[in-house]
Amino acid sequence: MIPRRGALARLAALPLAAALVGRSAHAVADDAARVSFTDMYGARTVLGLELAPAVRSLAGKRVQILGYLAPPLKPDVPFFVLTRSPVSLCPFCNSDADWPSDIVVVYPRNGNAGREDGLPVAVSGTLELGSKTDPRTGFVSLVRVVDADVRTMR
């Protein structure tokens, strides 16, 4: 089981930080605002996660976020899930208690979401916010990056 929060979760994110050292100039689009999982949410309330004001101000704008590819939901869906740290869980195969709540759904520009999971990636695209249900899968997202370019950070 991969921890989601606390010190162990921060340790799990270290490989991503190490992979990105010295690469930020190549990974970030000039016109994209940087968004991080750490700064994405302002509070966790009884109603769920609340987006931070700084992130809400970027809705509809080009952003870049670094994260990990989660396992594919299905082989033929046009999106993938980006997570703060590596995840080895399928959201349709496990309980929602096991799936991270702070995820970003990414719709790649080329429509091809079939990528190798577990890899650190840099995603640049247009930020969409608000609850949305994917009609093909029923997957509900709060944060999405659409028309996205995806770069593997190896």
N, C-alpha and C. Protein backbone atom coordinates (compact mmCIF):
# COMPACT_ATOMS: atom_id res chain seq x y z
N MET A 1 0.84 -1.18 0.00
CA MET A 1 0.00 0.00 0.00
C MET A 1 0.88 1.24 0.00
N ILE A 2 0.58 2.21 -0.82
CA ILE A 2 1.35 3.44 -0.90
C ILE A 2 0.70 4.49 -0.01
N PRO A 3 1.48 5.12 0.89
CA PRO A 3 0.89 6.13 1.75
C PRO A 3 0.50 7.36 0.95
N ARG A 4 -0.55 8.04 1.41
CA ARG A 4 -1.05 9.20 0.68
C ARG A 4 -0.70 10.51 1.35
N ARG A 5 -0.46 10.51 2.62
CA ARG A 5 -0.28 11.77 3.33
C ARG A 5 0.87 11.65 4.31
N GLY A 6 1.27 12.77 4.84
CA GLY A 6 2.26 12.80 5.90
C GLY A 6 3.67 12.62 5.40
N ALA A 7 4.57 12.31 6.33
CA ALA A 7 5.99 12.22 6.02
C ALA A 7 6.28 11.14 4.99
N LEU A 8 5.62 9.99 5.07
CA LEU A 8 5.88 8.93 4.10
C LEU A 8 5.47 9.34 2.70
N ALA A 9 4.38 10.07 2.57
CA ALA A 9 3.96 10.53 1.24
C ALA A 9 4.96 11.52 0.68
N ARG A 10 5.52 12.38 1.54
CA ARG A 10 6.53 13.32 1.06
C ARG A 10 7.77 12.57 0.61
N LEU A 11 8.15 11.51 1.32
CA LEU A 11 9.28 10.70 0.90
C LEU A 11 9.02 10.04 -0.45
N ALA A 12 7.80 9.59 -0.68
CA ALA A 12 7.45 8.95 -1.95
C ALA A 12 7.58 9.93 -3.11
N ALA A 13 7.42 11.21 -2.84
CA ALA A 13 7.51 12.23 -3.90
C ALA A 13 8.95 12.60 -4.21
N LEU A 14 9.92 12.18 -3.40
CA LEU A 14 11.31 12.54 -3.63
C LEU A 14 11.85 12.10 -4.98
N PRO A 15 11.51 10.89 -5.49
CA PRO A 15 12.03 10.53 -6.80
C PRO A 15 11.62 11.51 -7.89
N LEU A 16 10.41 12.06 -7.81
CA LEU A 16 9.98 13.04 -8.80
C LEU A 16 10.83 14.29 -8.69
N ALA A 17 11.05 14.78 -7.47
CA ALA A 17 11.86 15.98 -7.30
C ALA A 17 13.27 15.73 -7.82
N ALA A 18 13.83 14.57 -7.54
CA ALA A 18 15.18 14.26 -8.02
C ALA A 18 15.23 14.18 -9.54
N ALA A 19 14.18 13.63 -10.14
CA ALA A 19 14.15 13.50 -11.60
C ALA A 19 14.05 14.86 -12.28
N LEU A 20 13.53 15.85 -11.57
CA LEU A 20 13.31 17.15 -12.18
C LEU A 20 14.44 18.13 -11.96
N VAL A 21 15.39 17.81 -11.08
CA VAL A 21 16.49 18.72 -10.83
C VAL A 21 17.25 18.95 -12.13
N GLY A 22 17.43 20.19 -12.48
CA GLY A 22 18.15 20.54 -13.69
C GLY A 22 17.33 20.44 -14.95
N ARG A 23 16.07 20.06 -14.87
CA ARG A 23 15.24 19.89 -16.06
C ARG A 23 14.13 20.92 -16.17
N SER A 24 13.96 21.76 -15.18
CA SER A 24 12.79 22.63 -15.18
C SER A 24 12.74 23.55 -16.38
N ALA A 25 13.86 24.01 -16.88
CA ALA A 25 13.86 24.90 -18.04
C ALA A 25 13.32 24.20 -19.27
N HIS A 26 13.52 22.89 -19.36
CA HIS A 26 13.03 22.13 -20.51
C HIS A 26 11.61 21.64 -20.32
N ALA A 27 11.16 21.53 -19.07
CA ALA A 27 9.87 20.92 -18.79
C ALA A 27 8.72 21.93 -18.77
N VAL A 28 9.01 23.19 -18.53
CA VAL A 28 7.96 24.17 -18.35
C VAL A 28 7.75 24.98 -19.62
N ALA A 29 6.53 25.05 -20.07
CA ALA A 29 6.20 25.92 -21.20
C ALA A 29 6.31 27.36 -20.72
N ASP A 30 6.81 28.26 -21.60
CA ASP A 30 7.03 29.66 -21.21
C ASP A 30 5.77 30.34 -20.71
N ASP A 31 4.63 30.00 -21.30
CA ASP A 31 3.39 30.70 -20.94
C ASP A 31 2.56 29.98 -19.89
N ALA A 32 3.08 28.92 -19.30
CA ALA A 32 2.30 28.13 -18.35
C ALA A 32 2.63 28.51 -16.92
N ALA A 33 1.59 28.72 -16.09
CA ALA A 33 1.77 28.95 -14.66
C ALA A 33 2.01 27.61 -13.99
N ARG A 34 2.90 27.56 -13.06
CA ARG A 34 3.18 26.31 -12.35
C ARG A 34 2.15 26.09 -11.25
N VAL A 35 1.62 24.88 -11.20
CA VAL A 35 0.67 24.48 -10.17
C VAL A 35 1.25 23.23 -9.51
N SER A 36 1.19 23.16 -8.20
CA SER A 36 1.68 21.97 -7.51
C SER A 36 0.55 21.33 -6.72
N PHE A 37 0.67 20.05 -6.49
CA PHE A 37 -0.32 19.35 -5.67
C PHE A 37 -0.33 19.94 -4.26
N THR A 38 0.82 20.35 -3.76
CA THR A 38 0.93 20.90 -2.42
C THR A 38 0.09 22.15 -2.25
N ASP A 39 0.05 22.99 -3.27
CA ASP A 39 -0.65 24.27 -3.18
C ASP A 39 -2.05 24.25 -3.78
N MET A 40 -2.51 23.11 -4.27
CA MET A 40 -3.77 23.04 -5.01
C MET A 40 -5.01 23.26 -4.12
N TYR A 41 -4.95 22.76 -2.90
CA TYR A 41 -6.14 22.82 -2.05
C TYR A 41 -5.91 23.72 -0.86
N GLY A 42 -6.91 24.54 -0.53
CA GLY A 42 -6.83 25.45 0.59
C GLY A 42 -7.25 24.80 1.89
N ALA A 43 -8.19 23.87 1.81
CA ALA A 43 -8.70 23.24 3.02
C ALA A 43 -9.35 21.91 2.69
N ARG A 44 -9.42 21.07 3.71
CA ARG A 44 -10.15 19.81 3.63
C ARG A 44 -11.29 19.95 4.63
N THR A 45 -12.51 20.05 4.11
CA THR A 45 -13.67 20.29 4.96
C THR A 45 -14.57 19.06 4.97
N VAL A 46 -15.63 19.13 5.73
CA VAL A 46 -16.59 18.02 5.76
C VAL A 46 -17.25 17.84 4.40
N LEU A 47 -17.22 18.88 3.59
CA LEU A 47 -17.80 18.80 2.24
C LEU A 47 -16.79 18.33 1.19
N GLY A 48 -15.54 18.11 1.63
CA GLY A 48 -14.51 17.64 0.71
C GLY A 48 -13.37 18.64 0.59
N LEU A 49 -12.59 18.48 -0.47
CA LEU A 49 -11.45 19.35 -0.69
C LEU A 49 -11.91 20.69 -1.25
N GLU A 50 -11.30 21.76 -0.78
CA GLU A 50 -11.61 23.10 -1.26
C GLU A 50 -10.39 23.62 -2.02
N LEU A 51 -10.59 24.04 -3.26
CA LEU A 51 -9.50 24.54 -4.07
C LEU A 51 -8.96 25.85 -3.50
N ALA A 52 -7.64 26.00 -3.55
CA ALA A 52 -7.00 27.22 -3.07
C ALA A 52 -7.35 28.39 -4.01
N PRO A 53 -7.47 29.60 -3.46
CA PRO A 53 -7.78 30.77 -4.29
C PRO A 53 -6.80 30.96 -5.46
N ALA A 54 -5.51 30.71 -5.22
CA ALA A 54 -4.51 30.88 -6.29
C ALA A 54 -4.79 29.93 -7.46
N VAL A 55 -5.23 28.72 -7.16
CA VAL A 55 -5.55 27.76 -8.22
C VAL A 55 -6.84 28.16 -8.91
N ARG A 56 -7.83 28.58 -8.16
CA ARG A 56 -9.10 29.02 -8.77
C ARG A 56 -8.86 30.17 -9.75
N SER A 57 -7.88 31.04 -9.45
CA SER A 57 -7.61 32.18 -10.33
C SER A 57 -6.99 31.75 -11.66
N LEU A 58 -6.52 30.51 -11.74
CA LEU A 58 -5.90 30.00 -12.97
C LEU A 58 -6.87 29.24 -13.87
N ALA A 59 -8.11 29.12 -13.48
CA ALA A 59 -9.10 28.40 -14.30
C ALA A 59 -9.15 29.02 -15.70
N GLY A 60 -9.07 28.16 -16.71
CA GLY A 60 -9.12 28.60 -18.09
C GLY A 60 -7.78 29.05 -18.64
N LYS A 61 -6.74 29.01 -17.80
CA LYS A 61 -5.41 29.45 -18.23
C LYS A 61 -4.49 28.24 -18.42
N ARG A 62 -3.40 28.48 -19.11
CA ARG A 62 -2.41 27.43 -19.34
C ARG A 62 -1.57 27.24 -18.08
N VAL A 63 -1.47 25.98 -17.64
CA VAL A 63 -0.72 25.64 -16.44
C VAL A 63 0.20 24.46 -16.72
N GLN A 64 1.13 24.26 -15.80
CA GLN A 64 1.97 23.08 -15.83
C GLN A 64 1.95 22.46 -14.44
N ILE A 65 1.82 21.15 -14.39
CA ILE A 65 1.83 20.42 -13.12
C ILE A 65 2.68 19.17 -13.29
N LEU A 66 3.43 18.85 -12.25
CA LEU A 66 4.27 17.66 -12.25
C LEU A 66 3.62 16.61 -11.37
N GLY A 67 3.68 15.37 -11.80
CA GLY A 67 3.07 14.30 -11.02
C GLY A 67 3.41 12.95 -11.60
N TYR A 68 2.64 11.95 -11.22
CA TYR A 68 2.85 10.57 -11.65
C TYR A 68 1.62 10.05 -12.38
N LEU A 69 1.86 9.25 -13.39
CA LEU A 69 0.77 8.59 -14.11
C LEU A 69 0.21 7.47 -13.24
N ALA A 70 -1.08 7.53 -12.99
CA ALA A 70 -1.75 6.44 -12.26
C ALA A 70 -2.04 5.31 -13.24
N PRO A 71 -2.30 4.11 -12.74
CA PRO A 71 -2.65 3.01 -13.64
C PRO A 71 -3.85 3.39 -14.51
N PRO A 72 -3.88 2.92 -15.75
CA PRO A 72 -4.99 3.29 -16.63
C PRO A 72 -6.32 2.79 -16.12
N LEU A 73 -7.35 3.61 -16.33
CA LEU A 73 -8.69 3.22 -15.92
C LEU A 73 -9.22 2.12 -16.82
N LYS A 74 -9.09 2.34 -18.12
CA LYS A 74 -9.45 1.38 -19.16
C LYS A 74 -8.52 1.68 -20.33
N PRO A 75 -8.25 0.72 -21.18
CA PRO A 75 -7.29 0.97 -22.26
C PRO A 75 -7.75 1.98 -23.30
N ASP A 76 -9.03 2.23 -23.42
CA ASP A 76 -9.51 3.07 -24.51
C ASP A 76 -10.08 4.41 -24.08
N VAL A 77 -9.80 4.87 -22.85
CA VAL A 77 -10.33 6.17 -22.43
C VAL A 77 -9.40 7.28 -22.91
N PRO A 78 -9.95 8.47 -23.17
CA PRO A 78 -9.15 9.56 -23.72
C PRO A 78 -8.44 10.40 -22.66
N PHE A 79 -8.33 9.91 -21.43
CA PHE A 79 -7.67 10.67 -20.37
C PHE A 79 -6.87 9.73 -19.49
N PHE A 80 -6.03 10.33 -18.64
CA PHE A 80 -5.36 9.56 -17.59
C PHE A 80 -5.42 10.37 -16.31
N VAL A 81 -5.07 9.73 -15.21
CA VAL A 81 -5.09 10.37 -13.90
C VAL A 81 -3.66 10.66 -13.47
N LEU A 82 -3.45 11.91 -13.04
CA LEU A 82 -2.16 12.36 -12.52
C LEU A 82 -2.26 12.43 -11.01
N THR A 83 -1.25 11.89 -10.32
CA THR A 83 -1.25 11.87 -8.85
C THR A 83 0.01 12.52 -8.31
N ARG A 84 -0.05 12.89 -7.04
CA ARG A 84 1.07 13.52 -6.34
C ARG A 84 2.25 12.57 -6.16
N SER A 85 1.98 11.32 -5.89
CA SER A 85 3.01 10.31 -5.69
C SER A 85 2.58 9.03 -6.41
N PRO A 86 3.51 8.11 -6.64
CA PRO A 86 3.15 6.89 -7.38
C PRO A 86 2.00 6.14 -6.73
N VAL A 87 1.11 5.63 -7.55
CA VAL A 87 -0.07 4.89 -7.09
C VAL A 87 -0.14 3.59 -7.88
N SER A 88 -0.47 2.52 -7.19
CA SER A 88 -0.59 1.24 -7.88
C SER A 88 -2.00 0.69 -7.77
N LEU A 89 -2.98 1.59 -7.61
CA LEU A 89 -4.37 1.17 -7.42
C LEU A 89 -5.22 1.55 -8.61
N CYS A 90 -6.16 0.70 -8.94
CA CYS A 90 -7.16 1.02 -9.95
C CYS A 90 -8.39 1.56 -9.22
N PRO A 91 -8.88 2.77 -9.60
CA PRO A 91 -10.00 3.34 -8.86
C PRO A 91 -11.30 2.56 -9.01
N PHE A 92 -11.42 1.73 -10.04
CA PHE A 92 -12.63 0.94 -10.22
C PHE A 92 -12.50 -0.44 -9.57
N CYS A 93 -11.25 -0.80 -9.16
CA CYS A 93 -11.02 -2.12 -8.56
C CYS A 93 -10.88 -2.04 -7.04
N ASN A 94 -10.67 -0.85 -6.50
CA ASN A 94 -10.44 -0.67 -5.08
C ASN A 94 -11.47 0.28 -4.50
N SER A 95 -11.53 0.31 -3.18
CA SER A 95 -12.48 1.22 -2.55
C SER A 95 -12.00 2.66 -2.71
N ASP A 96 -12.92 3.60 -2.62
CA ASP A 96 -12.54 5.00 -2.76
C ASP A 96 -11.66 5.46 -1.60
N ALA A 97 -11.63 4.72 -0.50
CA ALA A 97 -10.76 5.06 0.61
C ALA A 97 -9.30 4.85 0.24
N ASP A 98 -9.02 3.98 -0.74
CA ASP A 98 -7.66 3.70 -1.17
C ASP A 98 -7.17 4.66 -2.25
N TRP A 99 -8.07 5.31 -2.96
CA TRP A 99 -7.72 6.17 -4.10
C TRP A 99 -7.47 7.58 -3.59
N PRO A 100 -6.38 8.23 -4.01
CA PRO A 100 -6.12 9.60 -3.54
C PRO A 100 -7.24 10.56 -3.92
N SER A 101 -7.51 11.52 -3.07
CA SER A 101 -8.56 12.50 -3.37
C SER A 101 -8.02 13.67 -4.15
N ASP A 102 -6.72 13.93 -4.07
CA ASP A 102 -6.14 15.08 -4.75
C ASP A 102 -5.49 14.64 -6.07
N ILE A 103 -6.34 14.39 -7.05
CA ILE A 103 -5.89 13.95 -8.36
C ILE A 103 -6.21 15.01 -9.41
N VAL A 104 -5.57 14.87 -10.54
CA VAL A 104 -5.86 15.72 -11.70
C VAL A 104 -6.13 14.79 -12.87
N VAL A 105 -7.24 15.00 -13.55
CA VAL A 105 -7.55 14.22 -14.75
C VAL A 105 -6.96 14.98 -15.94
N VAL A 106 -6.22 14.27 -16.77
CA VAL A 106 -5.53 14.90 -17.90
C VAL A 106 -6.06 14.34 -19.22
N TYR A 107 -6.49 15.26 -20.08
CA TYR A 107 -6.92 14.92 -21.44
C TYR A 107 -5.83 15.37 -22.40
N PRO A 108 -4.98 14.44 -22.86
CA PRO A 108 -3.88 14.82 -23.76
C PRO A 108 -4.38 15.39 -25.08
N ARG A 109 -3.59 16.29 -25.62
CA ARG A 109 -3.93 16.95 -26.88
C ARG A 109 -4.16 15.93 -28.00
N ASN A 110 -3.33 14.91 -28.06
CA ASN A 110 -3.46 13.92 -29.14
C ASN A 110 -4.53 12.87 -28.86
N GLY A 111 -5.19 12.96 -27.70
CA GLY A 111 -6.26 12.03 -27.37
C GLY A 111 -5.79 10.65 -26.95
N ASN A 112 -4.49 10.44 -26.95
CA ASN A 112 -3.95 9.12 -26.58
C ASN A 112 -3.53 9.14 -25.12
N ALA A 113 -4.30 8.46 -24.30
CA ALA A 113 -3.99 8.40 -22.87
C ALA A 113 -3.26 7.11 -22.51
N GLY A 114 -3.00 6.24 -23.47
CA GLY A 114 -2.35 4.98 -23.18
C GLY A 114 -0.87 5.15 -22.94
N ARG A 115 -0.49 5.35 -21.69
CA ARG A 115 0.90 5.55 -21.32
C ARG A 115 1.25 4.58 -20.19
N GLU A 116 2.54 4.38 -20.01
CA GLU A 116 3.03 3.51 -18.96
C GLU A 116 2.83 4.17 -17.59
N ASP A 117 2.14 3.49 -16.69
CA ASP A 117 1.86 4.09 -15.38
C ASP A 117 3.09 4.07 -14.48
N GLY A 118 3.04 4.93 -13.47
CA GLY A 118 4.11 5.01 -12.49
C GLY A 118 5.22 5.98 -12.85
N LEU A 119 5.19 6.54 -14.06
CA LEU A 119 6.25 7.44 -14.49
C LEU A 119 6.00 8.87 -14.03
N PRO A 120 7.08 9.58 -13.68
CA PRO A 120 6.92 11.01 -13.40
C PRO A 120 6.77 11.75 -14.73
N VAL A 121 5.83 12.69 -14.77
CA VAL A 121 5.58 13.44 -16.00
C VAL A 121 5.37 14.92 -15.69
N ALA A 122 5.58 15.74 -16.71
CA ALA A 122 5.24 17.16 -16.69
C ALA A 122 4.08 17.33 -17.65
N VAL A 123 2.99 17.90 -17.17
CA VAL A 123 1.78 18.10 -17.97
C VAL A 123 1.54 19.59 -18.12
N SER A 124 1.36 20.06 -19.37
CA SER A 124 1.03 21.46 -19.63
C SER A 124 -0.24 21.50 -20.46
N GLY A 125 -1.19 22.33 -20.05
CA GLY A 125 -2.44 22.47 -20.78
C GLY A 125 -3.36 23.46 -20.09
N THR A 126 -4.61 23.49 -20.49
CA THR A 126 -5.59 24.42 -19.95
C THR A 126 -6.25 23.83 -18.71
N LEU A 127 -6.27 24.61 -17.63
CA LEU A 127 -6.85 24.16 -16.36
C LEU A 127 -8.36 24.34 -16.37
N GLU A 128 -9.08 23.26 -16.08
CA GLU A 128 -10.53 23.29 -15.90
C GLU A 128 -10.83 22.90 -14.46
N LEU A 129 -11.76 23.60 -13.84
CA LEU A 129 -12.14 23.33 -12.45
C LEU A 129 -13.63 23.11 -12.34
N GLY A 130 -14.03 22.36 -11.34
CA GLY A 130 -15.45 22.09 -11.09
C GLY A 130 -15.75 20.63 -11.34
N SER A 131 -16.74 20.13 -10.65
CA SER A 131 -17.10 18.73 -10.77
C SER A 131 -17.59 18.40 -12.18
N LYS A 132 -17.05 17.32 -12.72
CA LYS A 132 -17.43 16.88 -14.06
C LYS A 132 -17.35 15.36 -14.11
N THR A 133 -18.35 14.75 -14.72
CA THR A 133 -18.38 13.30 -14.86
C THR A 133 -18.06 12.93 -16.30
N ASP A 134 -17.08 12.06 -16.48
CA ASP A 134 -16.74 11.59 -17.82
C ASP A 134 -17.87 10.67 -18.30
N PRO A 135 -18.47 10.97 -19.46
CA PRO A 135 -19.63 10.19 -19.90
C PRO A 135 -19.31 8.73 -20.24
N ARG A 136 -18.07 8.44 -20.64
CA ARG A 136 -17.72 7.06 -21.02
C ARG A 136 -17.44 6.17 -19.83
N THR A 137 -16.89 6.74 -18.76
CA THR A 137 -16.45 5.91 -17.64
C THR A 137 -17.22 6.17 -16.35
N GLY A 138 -17.87 7.33 -16.25
CA GLY A 138 -18.52 7.70 -15.00
C GLY A 138 -17.55 8.26 -13.97
N PHE A 139 -16.29 8.44 -14.36
CA PHE A 139 -15.26 8.94 -13.45
C PHE A 139 -15.52 10.42 -13.18
N VAL A 140 -15.54 10.81 -11.91
CA VAL A 140 -15.83 12.18 -11.51
C VAL A 140 -14.52 12.88 -11.15
N SER A 141 -14.34 14.08 -11.70
CA SER A 141 -13.13 14.86 -11.41
C SER A 141 -13.49 16.26 -10.96
N LEU A 142 -12.62 16.85 -10.17
CA LEU A 142 -12.76 18.23 -9.73
C LEU A 142 -11.79 19.13 -10.48
N VAL A 143 -10.62 18.58 -10.82
CA VAL A 143 -9.56 19.33 -11.49
C VAL A 143 -9.15 18.57 -12.74
N ARG A 144 -9.08 19.31 -13.86
CA ARG A 144 -8.67 18.69 -15.13
C ARG A 144 -7.69 19.60 -15.85
N VAL A 145 -6.80 18.98 -16.62
CA VAL A 145 -5.96 19.71 -17.56
C VAL A 145 -6.31 19.16 -18.93
N VAL A 146 -6.78 20.04 -19.82
CA VAL A 146 -7.23 19.62 -21.14
C VAL A 146 -6.30 20.16 -22.21
N ASP A 147 -6.38 19.55 -23.39
CA ASP A 147 -5.53 19.93 -24.51
C ASP A 147 -4.08 19.92 -24.04
N ALA A 148 -3.72 18.85 -23.34
CA ALA A 148 -2.44 18.78 -22.63
C ALA A 148 -1.31 18.18 -23.45
N ASP A 149 -0.14 18.73 -23.23
CA ASP A 149 1.12 18.15 -23.70
C ASP A 149 1.70 17.43 -22.50
N VAL A 150 2.22 16.22 -22.74
CA VAL A 150 2.75 15.40 -21.65
C VAL A 150 4.17 15.01 -21.98
N ARG A 151 5.07 15.26 -21.02
CA ARG A 151 6.49 14.88 -21.18
C ARG A 151 6.87 13.95 -20.05
N THR A 152 7.45 12.82 -20.41
CA THR A 152 7.97 11.89 -19.40
C THR A 152 9.27 12.46 -18.85
N MET A 153 9.43 12.41 -17.55
CA MET A 153 10.62 12.92 -16.88
C MET A 153 11.49 11.76 -16.44
N ARG A 154 12.28 11.24 -17.34
CA ARG A 154 13.17 10.11 -17.00
C ARG A 154 14.54 10.60 -16.75
